[in-house]
Protein backbone atom coordinates (compact mmCIF):
# COMPACT_ATOMS: atom_id res chain seq x y z
CA UNK A 1 104.00 30.03 128.24
CA UNK A 2 101.64 32.83 127.27
CA UNK A 3 97.92 32.66 127.99
CA UNK A 4 95.34 34.57 126.04
CA UNK A 5 91.82 34.48 127.37
CA UNK A 6 88.58 36.10 126.33
CA UNK A 7 85.17 35.71 127.91
CA UNK A 8 81.70 35.14 126.49
CA UNK A 9 78.66 34.66 128.71
CA UNK A 10 75.18 33.33 128.04
CA UNK A 11 72.28 33.11 130.45
CA UNK A 12 69.78 30.38 131.26
CA UNK A 13 66.60 32.32 131.86
CA UNK A 14 63.26 32.73 130.17
CA UNK A 15 62.71 36.29 131.31
CA UNK A 16 63.95 39.59 129.93
CA UNK A 17 67.68 40.34 129.84
CA UNK A 18 67.15 44.10 130.17
CA UNK A 19 68.97 44.43 133.52
CA UNK A 20 71.69 42.01 134.48
CA UNK A 21 75.20 41.77 135.84
CA UNK A 22 77.52 39.25 134.25
CA UNK A 23 78.87 36.35 136.26
CA UNK A 24 82.54 36.88 137.00
CA UNK A 25 85.46 35.14 138.63
CA UNK A 26 86.23 36.42 142.13
CA UNK A 27 88.85 39.12 141.59
CA UNK A 28 87.96 39.67 137.94
CA UNK A 29 89.41 38.43 134.67
CA UNK A 30 93.03 38.93 135.71
CA UNK A 31 92.42 36.55 138.62
CA UNK A 32 90.76 34.05 136.26
CA UNK A 33 93.74 34.21 133.93
CA UNK A 34 96.14 33.70 136.85
CA UNK A 35 94.08 30.73 138.10
CA UNK A 36 94.21 29.04 134.70
CA UNK A 37 97.95 29.66 134.32
CA UNK A 38 98.61 28.13 137.77
CA UNK A 39 96.47 25.06 137.24
CA UNK A 40 96.76 24.24 133.55
CA UNK A 41 100.13 23.33 132.04
CA UNK A 42 99.56 21.84 128.57
CA UNK A 43 102.50 20.42 126.64
CA UNK A 44 101.58 21.94 123.29
CA UNK A 45 99.94 24.97 121.68
CA UNK A 46 96.33 25.12 122.78
CA UNK A 47 93.32 26.85 121.29
CA UNK A 48 90.09 25.62 122.82
CA UNK A 49 86.77 26.74 124.27
CA UNK A 50 85.73 25.80 127.78
CA UNK A 51 82.02 25.99 128.59
CA UNK A 52 81.09 26.44 132.24
CA UNK A 53 77.62 26.13 133.71
CA UNK A 54 77.53 28.36 136.80
CA UNK A 55 74.55 28.09 139.15
CA UNK A 56 72.89 30.89 141.10
CA UNK A 57 75.36 30.43 143.99
CA UNK A 58 78.38 30.88 141.72
CA UNK A 59 79.38 27.20 141.73
CA UNK A 60 80.55 25.48 138.54
CA UNK A 61 78.10 22.58 138.16
CA UNK A 62 79.15 21.40 134.71
CA UNK A 63 82.16 21.86 132.45
CA UNK A 64 82.47 20.90 128.79
CA UNK A 65 85.08 21.34 126.09
CA UNK A 66 83.50 22.44 122.82
CA UNK A 67 86.47 21.70 120.58
CA UNK A 68 88.41 18.74 121.93
CA UNK A 69 92.21 18.80 121.77
CA UNK A 70 93.40 15.43 123.03
CA UNK A 71 92.33 13.20 125.91
CA UNK A 72 95.01 14.14 128.43
CA UNK A 73 94.75 17.89 127.84
CA UNK A 74 90.94 17.69 127.93
CA UNK A 75 91.07 15.87 131.28
CA UNK A 76 93.45 18.50 132.70
CA UNK A 77 91.16 21.33 131.56
CA UNK A 78 88.06 19.69 133.06
CA UNK A 79 89.86 18.95 136.34
CA UNK A 80 90.95 22.58 136.55
CA UNK A 81 87.41 23.79 135.79
CA UNK A 82 85.70 21.49 138.28
CA UNK A 83 88.06 22.60 141.06
CA UNK A 84 87.47 26.27 140.31
CA UNK A 85 86.39 28.32 143.34
CA UNK A 86 82.92 29.86 143.32
CA UNK A 87 82.39 32.82 141.02
CA UNK A 88 80.20 35.82 141.63
CA UNK A 89 76.94 34.63 140.01
CA UNK A 90 75.09 36.45 137.26
CA UNK A 91 72.36 38.78 138.48
CA UNK A 92 69.21 39.70 136.58
CA UNK A 93 67.24 42.46 138.19
CA UNK A 94 67.86 41.67 141.86
CA UNK A 95 67.92 37.91 141.45
CA UNK A 96 70.97 35.68 141.15
CA UNK A 97 70.58 33.41 138.13
CA UNK A 98 72.28 30.45 136.51
CA UNK A 99 74.47 31.16 133.51
CA UNK A 100 76.65 29.50 130.93
CA UNK A 101 80.10 30.99 130.56
CA UNK A 102 82.20 30.41 127.46
CA UNK A 103 85.93 30.75 128.06
CA UNK A 104 88.08 30.59 124.91
CA UNK A 105 91.62 29.71 126.00
CA UNK A 106 94.79 30.02 123.94
CA UNK A 107 98.20 28.90 125.16
CA UNK A 108 101.37 29.83 123.36
CA UNK A 109 103.95 27.41 124.64
CA UNK A 110 107.43 28.26 125.77
CA UNK A 111 110.01 25.85 124.42
CA UNK A 112 110.17 22.27 125.68
CA UNK A 113 113.71 20.96 125.20
CA UNK A 114 114.64 17.51 123.94
CA UNK A 115 118.31 17.88 124.89
CA UNK A 116 119.80 20.10 127.60
CA UNK A 117 123.10 20.68 129.35
CA UNK A 118 121.77 19.11 132.56
CA UNK A 119 119.10 16.45 132.13
CA UNK A 120 116.19 16.13 134.56
CA UNK A 121 116.58 13.24 136.99
CA UNK A 122 114.50 11.17 139.38
CA UNK A 123 115.53 11.69 143.03
CA UNK A 124 118.02 8.95 143.82
CA UNK A 125 118.79 8.19 140.20
CA UNK A 126 117.71 5.52 137.73
CA UNK A 127 117.83 2.65 140.22
CA UNK A 128 115.48 4.52 142.56
CA UNK A 129 113.14 5.20 139.64
CA UNK A 130 113.09 1.50 138.67
CA UNK A 131 112.33 0.59 142.29
CA UNK A 132 109.54 3.16 142.33
CA UNK A 133 107.85 1.71 139.26
CA UNK A 134 108.26 -1.88 140.46
CA UNK A 135 106.60 -0.89 143.74
CA UNK A 136 103.78 1.20 142.28
CA UNK A 137 102.97 -0.68 139.09
CA UNK A 138 102.43 -4.05 140.75
CA UNK A 139 102.50 -5.81 137.39
CA UNK A 140 106.19 -6.23 136.53
CA UNK A 141 107.76 -9.66 137.02
CA UNK A 142 111.29 -9.67 135.54
CA UNK A 143 111.34 -13.45 134.89
CA UNK A 144 107.95 -13.60 133.19
CA UNK A 145 107.89 -14.68 129.55
CA UNK A 146 105.01 -12.29 128.94
CA UNK A 147 106.99 -9.15 129.74
CA UNK A 148 106.33 -6.23 127.38
CA UNK A 149 107.63 -2.68 127.25
CA UNK A 150 105.68 0.55 127.02
CA UNK A 151 107.63 3.51 125.66
CA UNK A 152 106.43 6.73 127.24
CA UNK A 153 107.36 10.38 127.13
CA UNK A 154 106.43 13.06 129.61
CA UNK A 155 107.49 16.61 130.32
CA UNK A 156 109.51 17.55 133.39
CA UNK A 157 108.59 21.12 134.27
CA UNK A 158 110.77 23.78 135.84
CA UNK A 159 109.39 23.04 139.30
CA UNK A 160 110.09 19.30 139.02
CA UNK A 161 106.48 18.31 138.38
CA UNK A 162 105.69 16.02 135.46
CA UNK A 163 102.84 16.19 132.98
CA UNK A 164 101.63 15.39 129.50
CA UNK A 165 102.43 11.69 129.18
CA UNK A 166 102.39 10.18 125.69
CA UNK A 167 102.54 6.46 124.84
CA UNK A 168 104.61 5.78 121.72
CA UNK A 169 103.58 2.15 121.22
CA UNK A 170 100.34 0.24 121.55
CA UNK A 171 99.75 -0.51 125.21
CA UNK A 172 96.74 -2.20 126.87
CA UNK A 173 94.35 0.32 128.39
CA UNK A 174 94.68 -1.25 131.85
CA UNK A 175 98.46 -0.91 131.71
CA UNK A 176 98.22 2.71 130.53
CA UNK A 177 96.02 3.49 133.52
CA UNK A 178 98.44 1.79 135.92
CA UNK A 179 101.41 3.66 134.47
CA UNK A 180 99.58 7.00 134.69
CA UNK A 181 98.61 6.30 138.31
CA UNK A 182 102.25 5.52 139.11
CA UNK A 183 103.40 8.72 137.40
CA UNK A 184 100.94 10.74 139.45
CA UNK A 185 102.54 9.38 142.63
CA UNK A 186 106.08 10.32 141.62
CA UNK A 187 108.04 12.72 143.82
CA UNK A 188 109.27 15.97 142.33
CA UNK A 189 112.09 15.49 139.85
CA UNK A 190 115.33 17.42 139.72
CA UNK A 191 114.49 19.69 136.77
CA UNK A 192 116.62 20.12 133.68
CA UNK A 193 118.86 23.13 133.10
CA UNK A 194 119.99 25.00 130.02
CA UNK A 195 122.32 28.02 130.21
CA UNK A 196 122.00 27.80 134.00
CA UNK A 197 118.20 28.22 133.77
CA UNK A 198 115.53 25.73 134.79
CA UNK A 199 113.64 24.64 131.68
CA UNK A 200 110.97 22.21 130.52
CA UNK A 201 112.41 18.98 129.14
CA UNK A 202 110.90 15.97 127.40
CA UNK A 203 111.87 12.71 129.10
CA UNK A 204 111.47 9.37 127.31
CA UNK A 205 111.71 6.04 129.11
CA UNK A 206 110.64 2.39 128.86
CA UNK A 207 108.27 0.86 131.41
CA UNK A 208 108.15 -2.93 131.56
CA UNK A 209 104.91 -4.74 132.33
CA UNK A 210 103.41 -8.22 132.19
CA UNK A 211 100.59 -8.92 129.77
CA UNK A 212 97.53 -9.91 131.84
């Protein structure tokens, strides 16, 4: 995954801009790039603009996405932005001021495999995964006549974390939320391998639920 990042800054102030120092991430732009790469792992090519409102103490008080990508990626970007450590605030004259920082972000994705020599696996195997969902979903009753199936796909990353869940069929919003909450509680997976290297792999599976 390759990250390209450029920075634009605007200031919230009614006075002259003749003498000012730009707000900057602690450690500079290389540190900002590293922070984004560590905390944002989209599942597809990404070209978006993140707008940050930074107050006079350096804290991010508001984050917005100016060109939305999709809901899940947007939520991941906003979560990353809102958890960002304090920046060095903008300074005009000798006074720290609030500013708006525009961060265009481009991700060029490394390949996500659909088939690999060694598939990713849930710790303990499929039976353990079924038990996990039955325990954490709280909505599946095998004998119910109202049982439905949600088909989902997510990405298993090289470190065993999962991300980027997609629902392939129409699923009630409440059920989607319950499935996503369960996925967030999952332990680390055994990652997939290709040519003896850990790689990203798409994983598709059914999740059964009972219609409320």
